[in-house]
Amino acid sequence: MILQEYPLKSILDVKIDGKTAWKTPFAKVGNQTYTLDFIEHEILRKKLFDPRIHVGVNCASISCPKLSNIAFTEENIDAELTRLMNEFVNDTSKNNINKNNIKISAIFDWFKEDFMKTASLIEFLNQYSKIKINKNASINYLPYNWSLNEK
């Protein structure tokens, strides 16, 4: 969709038949065509639940986790999502972490219920952070930059 609508400044600028990028039927699988919203929320988040999925999908924006250049397979999905989550959490252009104060991506706020399904948000982050975060650390969310990531 980005390429079809290019040039544009953000995925938020995509409007196809009056629909946003997330609401446009786009991905054809067999005889079905799905929207990005349906794939993310009804399939990936609901049926294949894993909070790390949020680093496996990408909205083409600067604040997004980096898009992997490796296709997900049954054999590599766990290792790839772990690698991508490690990279994202420790990426200082996306998250600022220290022991007592964290400023993290809005993704962790928007999908808090996913990351806190089995533990606190800080416990989740500590699985991936190079810096051990205190359990009572202050949590703030960074503004999300929706500008197109063209790097």
N, C-alpha and C. Protein backbone atom coordinates (compact mmCIF):
# COMPACT_ATOMS: atom_id res chain seq x y z
N MET A 1 0.82 -1.19 0.00
CA MET A 1 0.00 0.00 0.00
C MET A 1 0.86 1.25 0.00
N ILE A 2 1.92 1.24 0.78
CA ILE A 2 2.82 2.40 0.82
C ILE A 2 3.37 2.66 -0.58
N LEU A 3 3.84 1.62 -1.24
CA LEU A 3 4.40 1.79 -2.58
C LEU A 3 3.35 2.24 -3.58
N GLN A 4 2.15 1.72 -3.47
CA GLN A 4 1.08 2.11 -4.38
C GLN A 4 0.69 3.57 -4.21
N GLU A 5 0.79 4.09 -3.00
CA GLU A 5 0.37 5.45 -2.71
C GLU A 5 1.54 6.44 -2.68
N TYR A 6 2.75 5.94 -2.83
CA TYR A 6 3.95 6.78 -2.73
C TYR A 6 3.97 7.83 -3.83
N PRO A 7 4.45 9.05 -3.59
CA PRO A 7 5.08 9.51 -2.35
C PRO A 7 4.05 9.96 -1.31
N LEU A 8 4.35 9.70 -0.06
CA LEU A 8 3.54 10.15 1.06
C LEU A 8 4.44 10.31 2.26
N LYS A 9 3.97 11.00 3.28
CA LYS A 9 4.79 11.28 4.45
C LYS A 9 4.60 10.28 5.57
N SER A 10 3.46 9.57 5.55
CA SER A 10 3.12 8.69 6.66
C SER A 10 2.09 7.66 6.20
N ILE A 11 2.08 6.51 6.85
CA ILE A 11 1.05 5.52 6.58
C ILE A 11 -0.33 6.10 6.91
N LEU A 12 -0.36 7.10 7.78
CA LEU A 12 -1.63 7.75 8.12
C LEU A 12 -2.22 8.49 6.92
N ASP A 13 -1.39 8.77 5.92
CA ASP A 13 -1.86 9.46 4.71
C ASP A 13 -2.51 8.52 3.70
N VAL A 14 -2.38 7.23 3.91
CA VAL A 14 -2.98 6.26 2.97
C VAL A 14 -4.49 6.29 3.13
N LYS A 15 -5.16 6.56 2.04
CA LYS A 15 -6.63 6.52 2.00
C LYS A 15 -7.00 5.88 0.66
N ILE A 16 -7.57 4.71 0.73
CA ILE A 16 -7.99 3.98 -0.46
C ILE A 16 -9.50 3.79 -0.35
N ASP A 17 -10.22 4.34 -1.29
CA ASP A 17 -11.68 4.31 -1.26
C ASP A 17 -12.21 4.83 0.07
N GLY A 18 -11.53 5.86 0.61
CA GLY A 18 -11.96 6.48 1.86
C GLY A 18 -11.58 5.71 3.11
N LYS A 19 -10.82 4.63 2.97
CA LYS A 19 -10.44 3.80 4.12
C LYS A 19 -8.96 3.99 4.43
N THR A 20 -8.63 3.87 5.72
CA THR A 20 -7.23 3.95 6.15
C THR A 20 -6.50 2.68 5.71
N ALA A 21 -5.19 2.70 5.84
CA ALA A 21 -4.38 1.52 5.49
C ALA A 21 -4.83 0.30 6.29
N TRP A 22 -5.22 0.51 7.53
CA TRP A 22 -5.59 -0.62 8.39
C TRP A 22 -6.98 -1.19 8.06
N LYS A 23 -7.81 -0.40 7.44
CA LYS A 23 -9.20 -0.81 7.15
C LYS A 23 -9.40 -1.23 5.69
N THR A 24 -8.36 -1.15 4.87
CA THR A 24 -8.46 -1.49 3.45
C THR A 24 -8.21 -2.98 3.25
N PRO A 25 -9.14 -3.72 2.64
CA PRO A 25 -8.86 -5.13 2.31
C PRO A 25 -7.64 -5.17 1.38
N PHE A 26 -6.64 -5.93 1.79
CA PHE A 26 -5.35 -5.83 1.11
C PHE A 26 -4.66 -7.18 0.91
N ALA A 27 -4.63 -8.01 1.93
CA ALA A 27 -3.85 -9.25 1.89
C ALA A 27 -4.74 -10.42 1.50
N LYS A 28 -4.45 -10.97 0.34
CA LYS A 28 -5.26 -12.08 -0.15
C LYS A 28 -4.60 -13.41 0.24
N VAL A 29 -5.40 -14.25 0.89
CA VAL A 29 -4.96 -15.58 1.30
C VAL A 29 -6.05 -16.54 0.86
N GLY A 30 -5.74 -17.38 -0.09
CA GLY A 30 -6.75 -18.26 -0.66
C GLY A 30 -7.82 -17.41 -1.33
N ASN A 31 -9.07 -17.63 -0.96
CA ASN A 31 -10.18 -16.86 -1.53
C ASN A 31 -10.60 -15.68 -0.66
N GLN A 32 -9.87 -15.45 0.43
CA GLN A 32 -10.21 -14.37 1.36
C GLN A 32 -9.24 -13.20 1.20
N THR A 33 -9.76 -12.00 1.37
CA THR A 33 -8.92 -10.81 1.41
C THR A 33 -9.11 -10.16 2.77
N TYR A 34 -8.00 -9.89 3.45
CA TYR A 34 -8.03 -9.40 4.82
C TYR A 34 -7.50 -7.98 4.92
N THR A 35 -7.96 -7.27 5.94
CA THR A 35 -7.41 -5.96 6.26
C THR A 35 -6.22 -6.17 7.20
N LEU A 36 -5.36 -5.15 7.29
CA LEU A 36 -4.26 -5.22 8.25
C LEU A 36 -4.78 -5.29 9.68
N ASP A 37 -5.87 -4.57 9.97
CA ASP A 37 -6.49 -4.64 11.29
C ASP A 37 -6.92 -6.07 11.64
N PHE A 38 -7.57 -6.74 10.69
CA PHE A 38 -8.05 -8.10 10.95
C PHE A 38 -6.87 -9.04 11.20
N ILE A 39 -5.84 -8.92 10.39
CA ILE A 39 -4.66 -9.78 10.56
C ILE A 39 -4.03 -9.56 11.93
N GLU A 40 -3.84 -8.29 12.28
CA GLU A 40 -3.18 -8.00 13.56
C GLU A 40 -4.04 -8.36 14.76
N HIS A 41 -5.29 -7.90 14.78
CA HIS A 41 -6.10 -8.03 15.99
C HIS A 41 -6.88 -9.33 16.11
N GLU A 42 -7.36 -9.86 15.00
CA GLU A 42 -8.17 -11.08 15.06
C GLU A 42 -7.37 -12.37 14.87
N ILE A 43 -6.27 -12.28 14.17
CA ILE A 43 -5.45 -13.48 13.95
C ILE A 43 -4.24 -13.47 14.87
N LEU A 44 -3.34 -12.51 14.68
CA LEU A 44 -2.08 -12.52 15.42
C LEU A 44 -2.27 -12.31 16.91
N ARG A 45 -3.04 -11.32 17.30
CA ARG A 45 -3.20 -11.04 18.73
C ARG A 45 -4.14 -12.00 19.42
N LYS A 46 -5.22 -12.40 18.77
CA LYS A 46 -6.22 -13.25 19.42
C LYS A 46 -5.90 -14.73 19.32
N LYS A 47 -5.63 -15.18 18.12
CA LYS A 47 -5.49 -16.62 17.91
C LYS A 47 -4.07 -17.14 18.12
N LEU A 48 -3.08 -16.32 17.81
CA LEU A 48 -1.69 -16.76 17.94
C LEU A 48 -0.99 -15.96 19.02
N PHE A 49 -1.68 -15.70 20.10
CA PHE A 49 -1.23 -14.73 21.09
C PHE A 49 0.23 -14.89 21.49
N ASP A 50 0.96 -13.83 21.31
CA ASP A 50 2.33 -13.69 21.79
C ASP A 50 2.61 -12.19 21.77
N PRO A 51 2.88 -11.57 22.92
CA PRO A 51 3.07 -10.13 22.92
C PRO A 51 4.23 -9.67 22.04
N ARG A 52 5.15 -10.57 21.76
CA ARG A 52 6.28 -10.21 20.90
C ARG A 52 5.85 -9.95 19.46
N ILE A 53 4.60 -10.28 19.12
CA ILE A 53 4.12 -10.06 17.76
C ILE A 53 4.22 -8.58 17.38
N HIS A 54 4.22 -7.71 18.38
CA HIS A 54 4.27 -6.28 18.11
C HIS A 54 5.62 -5.83 17.54
N VAL A 55 6.64 -6.66 17.63
CA VAL A 55 7.90 -6.36 16.93
C VAL A 55 7.99 -7.15 15.62
N GLY A 56 7.04 -8.01 15.39
CA GLY A 56 7.01 -8.80 14.16
C GLY A 56 6.18 -8.15 13.07
N VAL A 57 5.30 -7.22 13.45
CA VAL A 57 4.51 -6.47 12.47
C VAL A 57 5.05 -5.04 12.46
N ASN A 58 4.85 -4.35 11.37
CA ASN A 58 5.47 -3.05 11.21
C ASN A 58 4.55 -2.12 10.46
N CYS A 59 4.44 -0.88 10.93
CA CYS A 59 3.55 0.09 10.29
C CYS A 59 4.29 1.10 9.42
N ALA A 60 5.55 0.83 9.12
CA ALA A 60 6.36 1.66 8.22
C ALA A 60 6.61 3.06 8.76
N SER A 61 6.58 3.22 10.07
CA SER A 61 6.80 4.53 10.69
C SER A 61 8.12 4.55 11.46
N ILE A 62 8.63 5.74 11.65
CA ILE A 62 9.92 5.89 12.33
C ILE A 62 9.91 5.27 13.72
N SER A 63 8.82 5.39 14.45
CA SER A 63 8.76 4.84 15.81
C SER A 63 8.52 3.33 15.87
N CYS A 64 8.28 2.71 14.74
CA CYS A 64 8.06 1.26 14.70
C CYS A 64 9.34 0.49 15.03
N PRO A 65 9.18 -0.72 15.53
CA PRO A 65 10.34 -1.61 15.59
C PRO A 65 10.90 -1.79 14.18
N LYS A 66 12.19 -2.11 14.11
CA LYS A 66 12.81 -2.32 12.80
C LYS A 66 12.17 -3.51 12.10
N LEU A 67 11.98 -3.35 10.80
CA LEU A 67 11.44 -4.43 9.98
C LEU A 67 12.55 -5.45 9.73
N SER A 68 12.29 -6.68 10.06
CA SER A 68 13.28 -7.73 9.85
C SER A 68 13.39 -8.05 8.36
N ASN A 69 14.57 -8.45 7.96
CA ASN A 69 14.76 -8.90 6.58
C ASN A 69 14.77 -10.42 6.49
N ILE A 70 14.25 -11.06 7.52
CA ILE A 70 14.16 -12.52 7.58
C ILE A 70 12.69 -12.91 7.64
N ALA A 71 12.28 -13.79 6.76
CA ALA A 71 10.90 -14.27 6.77
C ALA A 71 10.68 -15.17 7.99
N PHE A 72 9.51 -15.04 8.59
CA PHE A 72 9.17 -15.91 9.72
C PHE A 72 8.79 -17.29 9.20
N THR A 73 9.31 -18.31 9.87
CA THR A 73 8.95 -19.69 9.56
C THR A 73 8.60 -20.38 10.87
N GLU A 74 8.02 -21.54 10.76
CA GLU A 74 7.70 -22.31 11.96
C GLU A 74 8.96 -22.59 12.78
N GLU A 75 10.06 -22.79 12.08
CA GLU A 75 11.32 -23.13 12.76
C GLU A 75 11.98 -21.93 13.44
N ASN A 76 11.81 -20.72 12.89
CA ASN A 76 12.56 -19.59 13.44
C ASN A 76 11.73 -18.56 14.19
N ILE A 77 10.43 -18.71 14.23
CA ILE A 77 9.57 -17.65 14.77
C ILE A 77 9.92 -17.27 16.20
N ASP A 78 10.14 -18.22 17.06
CA ASP A 78 10.44 -17.92 18.46
C ASP A 78 11.76 -17.16 18.57
N ALA A 79 12.79 -17.66 17.93
CA ALA A 79 14.10 -17.00 17.99
C ALA A 79 14.06 -15.61 17.35
N GLU A 80 13.36 -15.45 16.24
CA GLU A 80 13.28 -14.16 15.56
C GLU A 80 12.51 -13.13 16.38
N LEU A 81 11.39 -13.52 16.97
CA LEU A 81 10.63 -12.58 17.79
C LEU A 81 11.43 -12.18 19.03
N THR A 82 12.17 -13.11 19.60
CA THR A 82 13.03 -12.79 20.74
C THR A 82 14.13 -11.82 20.32
N ARG A 83 14.78 -12.09 19.19
CA ARG A 83 15.83 -11.20 18.68
C ARG A 83 15.27 -9.80 18.42
N LEU A 84 14.13 -9.73 17.75
CA LEU A 84 13.54 -8.44 17.44
C LEU A 84 13.11 -7.68 18.69
N MET A 85 12.57 -8.38 19.69
CA MET A 85 12.17 -7.73 20.93
C MET A 85 13.40 -7.21 21.67
N ASN A 86 14.47 -8.01 21.71
CA ASN A 86 15.72 -7.54 22.33
C ASN A 86 16.21 -6.28 21.65
N GLU A 87 16.22 -6.27 20.33
CA GLU A 87 16.68 -5.10 19.59
C GLU A 87 15.80 -3.89 19.86
N PHE A 88 14.49 -4.08 19.83
CA PHE A 88 13.55 -2.97 20.02
C PHE A 88 13.66 -2.37 21.42
N VAL A 89 13.61 -3.19 22.43
CA VAL A 89 13.64 -2.70 23.81
C VAL A 89 14.93 -1.92 24.07
N ASN A 90 16.04 -2.37 23.50
CA ASN A 90 17.34 -1.75 23.75
C ASN A 90 17.72 -0.69 22.72
N ASP A 91 16.84 -0.40 21.79
CA ASP A 91 17.09 0.62 20.78
C ASP A 91 16.84 1.99 21.41
N THR A 92 17.89 2.76 21.63
CA THR A 92 17.77 4.05 22.32
C THR A 92 17.06 5.10 21.48
N SER A 93 16.83 4.85 20.21
CA SER A 93 16.03 5.78 19.41
C SER A 93 14.54 5.50 19.58
N LYS A 94 14.20 4.38 20.21
CA LYS A 94 12.79 4.00 20.41
C LYS A 94 12.40 3.96 21.89
N ASN A 95 13.35 3.67 22.76
CA ASN A 95 13.10 3.52 24.19
C ASN A 95 14.30 4.05 24.98
N ASN A 96 14.04 4.71 26.09
CA ASN A 96 15.11 5.20 26.98
C ASN A 96 14.90 4.53 28.33
N ILE A 97 15.82 3.63 28.64
CA ILE A 97 15.66 2.82 29.85
C ILE A 97 16.82 3.05 30.80
N ASN A 98 16.48 3.31 32.05
CA ASN A 98 17.46 3.24 33.13
C ASN A 98 16.77 2.56 34.31
N LYS A 99 17.49 2.37 35.39
CA LYS A 99 16.96 1.58 36.50
C LYS A 99 15.67 2.14 37.11
N ASN A 100 15.57 3.45 37.22
CA ASN A 100 14.47 4.04 37.98
C ASN A 100 13.47 4.82 37.16
N ASN A 101 13.76 5.01 35.88
CA ASN A 101 12.89 5.83 35.05
C ASN A 101 12.98 5.32 33.62
N ILE A 102 11.83 4.94 33.08
CA ILE A 102 11.85 4.49 31.68
C ILE A 102 10.91 5.35 30.85
N LYS A 103 11.38 5.66 29.67
CA LYS A 103 10.58 6.36 28.67
C LYS A 103 10.54 5.41 27.49
N ILE A 104 9.36 4.85 27.26
CA ILE A 104 9.26 3.75 26.30
C ILE A 104 8.25 4.06 25.21
N SER A 105 8.31 3.27 24.19
CA SER A 105 7.43 3.41 23.03
C SER A 105 5.96 3.37 23.44
N ALA A 106 5.16 4.16 22.74
CA ALA A 106 3.71 4.15 22.95
C ALA A 106 3.11 2.78 22.67
N ILE A 107 3.80 1.96 21.91
CA ILE A 107 3.34 0.58 21.64
C ILE A 107 3.09 -0.15 22.96
N PHE A 108 3.95 0.08 23.94
CA PHE A 108 3.79 -0.58 25.23
C PHE A 108 2.59 -0.06 26.01
N ASP A 109 2.12 1.12 25.67
CA ASP A 109 0.91 1.67 26.27
C ASP A 109 -0.33 1.18 25.51
N TRP A 110 -0.31 1.31 24.18
CA TRP A 110 -1.45 0.91 23.35
C TRP A 110 -1.81 -0.55 23.55
N PHE A 111 -0.81 -1.41 23.71
CA PHE A 111 -1.05 -2.85 23.81
C PHE A 111 -0.62 -3.39 25.17
N LYS A 112 -0.78 -2.55 26.19
CA LYS A 112 -0.36 -2.90 27.55
C LYS A 112 -0.92 -4.25 27.99
N GLU A 113 -2.19 -4.51 27.65
CA GLU A 113 -2.81 -5.77 28.08
C GLU A 113 -2.09 -6.98 27.49
N ASP A 114 -1.50 -6.85 26.32
CA ASP A 114 -0.74 -7.95 25.73
C ASP A 114 0.54 -8.19 26.52
N PHE A 115 1.27 -7.12 26.82
CA PHE A 115 2.55 -7.24 27.51
C PHE A 115 2.39 -7.62 28.97
N MET A 116 1.21 -7.37 29.54
CA MET A 116 0.99 -7.64 30.96
C MET A 116 0.12 -8.88 31.19
N LYS A 117 -0.01 -9.70 30.18
CA LYS A 117 -0.85 -10.90 30.29
C LYS A 117 -0.37 -11.83 31.40
N THR A 118 0.96 -11.96 31.54
CA THR A 118 1.49 -12.91 32.53
C THR A 118 2.41 -12.26 33.56
N ALA A 119 2.66 -10.96 33.42
CA ALA A 119 3.56 -10.28 34.35
C ALA A 119 3.31 -8.78 34.26
N SER A 120 4.00 -8.02 35.08
CA SER A 120 3.91 -6.56 34.97
C SER A 120 4.67 -6.11 33.73
N LEU A 121 4.43 -4.89 33.32
CA LEU A 121 5.12 -4.36 32.15
C LEU A 121 6.64 -4.34 32.39
N ILE A 122 7.05 -3.93 33.57
CA ILE A 122 8.48 -3.90 33.89
C ILE A 122 9.07 -5.30 33.87
N GLU A 123 8.35 -6.27 34.40
CA GLU A 123 8.84 -7.66 34.34
C GLU A 123 8.99 -8.13 32.90
N PHE A 124 8.03 -7.75 32.06
CA PHE A 124 8.15 -8.10 30.64
C PHE A 124 9.39 -7.46 30.04
N LEU A 125 9.56 -6.17 30.25
CA LEU A 125 10.71 -5.47 29.69
C LEU A 125 12.03 -6.02 30.20
N ASN A 126 12.07 -6.41 31.47
CA ASN A 126 13.31 -6.94 32.04
C ASN A 126 13.76 -8.25 31.40
N GLN A 127 12.86 -8.93 30.74
CA GLN A 127 13.26 -10.15 30.01
C GLN A 127 14.18 -9.81 28.83
N TYR A 128 14.12 -8.57 28.36
CA TYR A 128 14.83 -8.17 27.14
C TYR A 128 15.80 -7.02 27.36
N SER A 129 15.60 -6.22 28.37
CA SER A 129 16.42 -5.04 28.60
C SER A 129 17.82 -5.41 29.08
N LYS A 130 18.81 -4.71 28.55
CA LYS A 130 20.19 -4.89 29.01
C LYS A 130 20.37 -4.25 30.38
N ILE A 131 19.50 -3.31 30.71
CA ILE A 131 19.54 -2.63 32.01
C ILE A 131 18.39 -3.18 32.86
N LYS A 132 18.72 -3.65 34.04
CA LYS A 132 17.69 -4.16 34.96
C LYS A 132 16.87 -2.99 35.49
N ILE A 133 15.57 -3.01 35.23
CA ILE A 133 14.67 -1.94 35.64
C ILE A 133 14.08 -2.29 37.01
N ASN A 134 14.13 -1.34 37.92
CA ASN A 134 13.53 -1.54 39.24
C ASN A 134 12.02 -1.69 39.10
N LYS A 135 11.43 -2.56 39.92
CA LYS A 135 10.00 -2.85 39.78
C LYS A 135 9.11 -1.63 40.02
N ASN A 136 9.60 -0.63 40.74
CA ASN A 136 8.82 0.58 41.00
C ASN A 136 9.28 1.77 40.15
N ALA A 137 9.97 1.49 39.07
CA ALA A 137 10.48 2.56 38.21
C ALA A 137 9.32 3.38 37.64
N SER A 138 9.59 4.63 37.41
CA SER A 138 8.63 5.53 36.77
C SER A 138 8.52 5.15 35.29
N ILE A 139 7.28 5.07 34.78
CA ILE A 139 7.04 4.71 33.39
C ILE A 139 6.40 5.88 32.67
N ASN A 140 7.03 6.30 31.58
CA ASN A 140 6.48 7.34 30.71
C ASN A 140 6.53 6.82 29.28
N TYR A 141 5.60 7.30 28.47
CA TYR A 141 5.52 6.84 27.08
C TYR A 141 5.94 7.96 26.15
N LEU A 142 6.75 7.61 25.18
CA LEU A 142 7.25 8.59 24.22
C LEU A 142 6.21 8.88 23.14
N PRO A 143 6.23 10.10 22.60
CA PRO A 143 5.34 10.39 21.47
C PRO A 143 5.70 9.48 20.30
N TYR A 144 4.70 9.10 19.55
CA TYR A 144 4.91 8.19 18.42
C TYR A 144 5.11 9.01 17.15
N ASN A 145 6.18 8.73 16.44
CA ASN A 145 6.48 9.43 15.20
C ASN A 145 5.95 8.60 14.03
N TRP A 146 4.87 9.06 13.43
CA TRP A 146 4.22 8.34 12.33
C TRP A 146 4.84 8.63 10.96
N SER A 147 5.89 9.46 10.94
CA SER A 147 6.54 9.75 9.65
C SER A 147 7.07 8.46 9.03
N LEU A 148 7.00 8.41 7.71
CA LEU A 148 7.42 7.22 6.99
C LEU A 148 8.89 6.93 7.24
N ASN A 149 9.18 5.69 7.58
CA ASN A 149 10.56 5.25 7.78
C ASN A 149 11.09 4.81 6.41
N GLU A 150 11.88 5.65 5.82
CA GLU A 150 12.39 5.37 4.48
C GLU A 150 13.85 4.91 4.49
N LYS A 151 14.37 4.57 5.63
CA LYS A 151 15.77 4.11 5.73
C LYS A 151 15.87 2.64 5.37
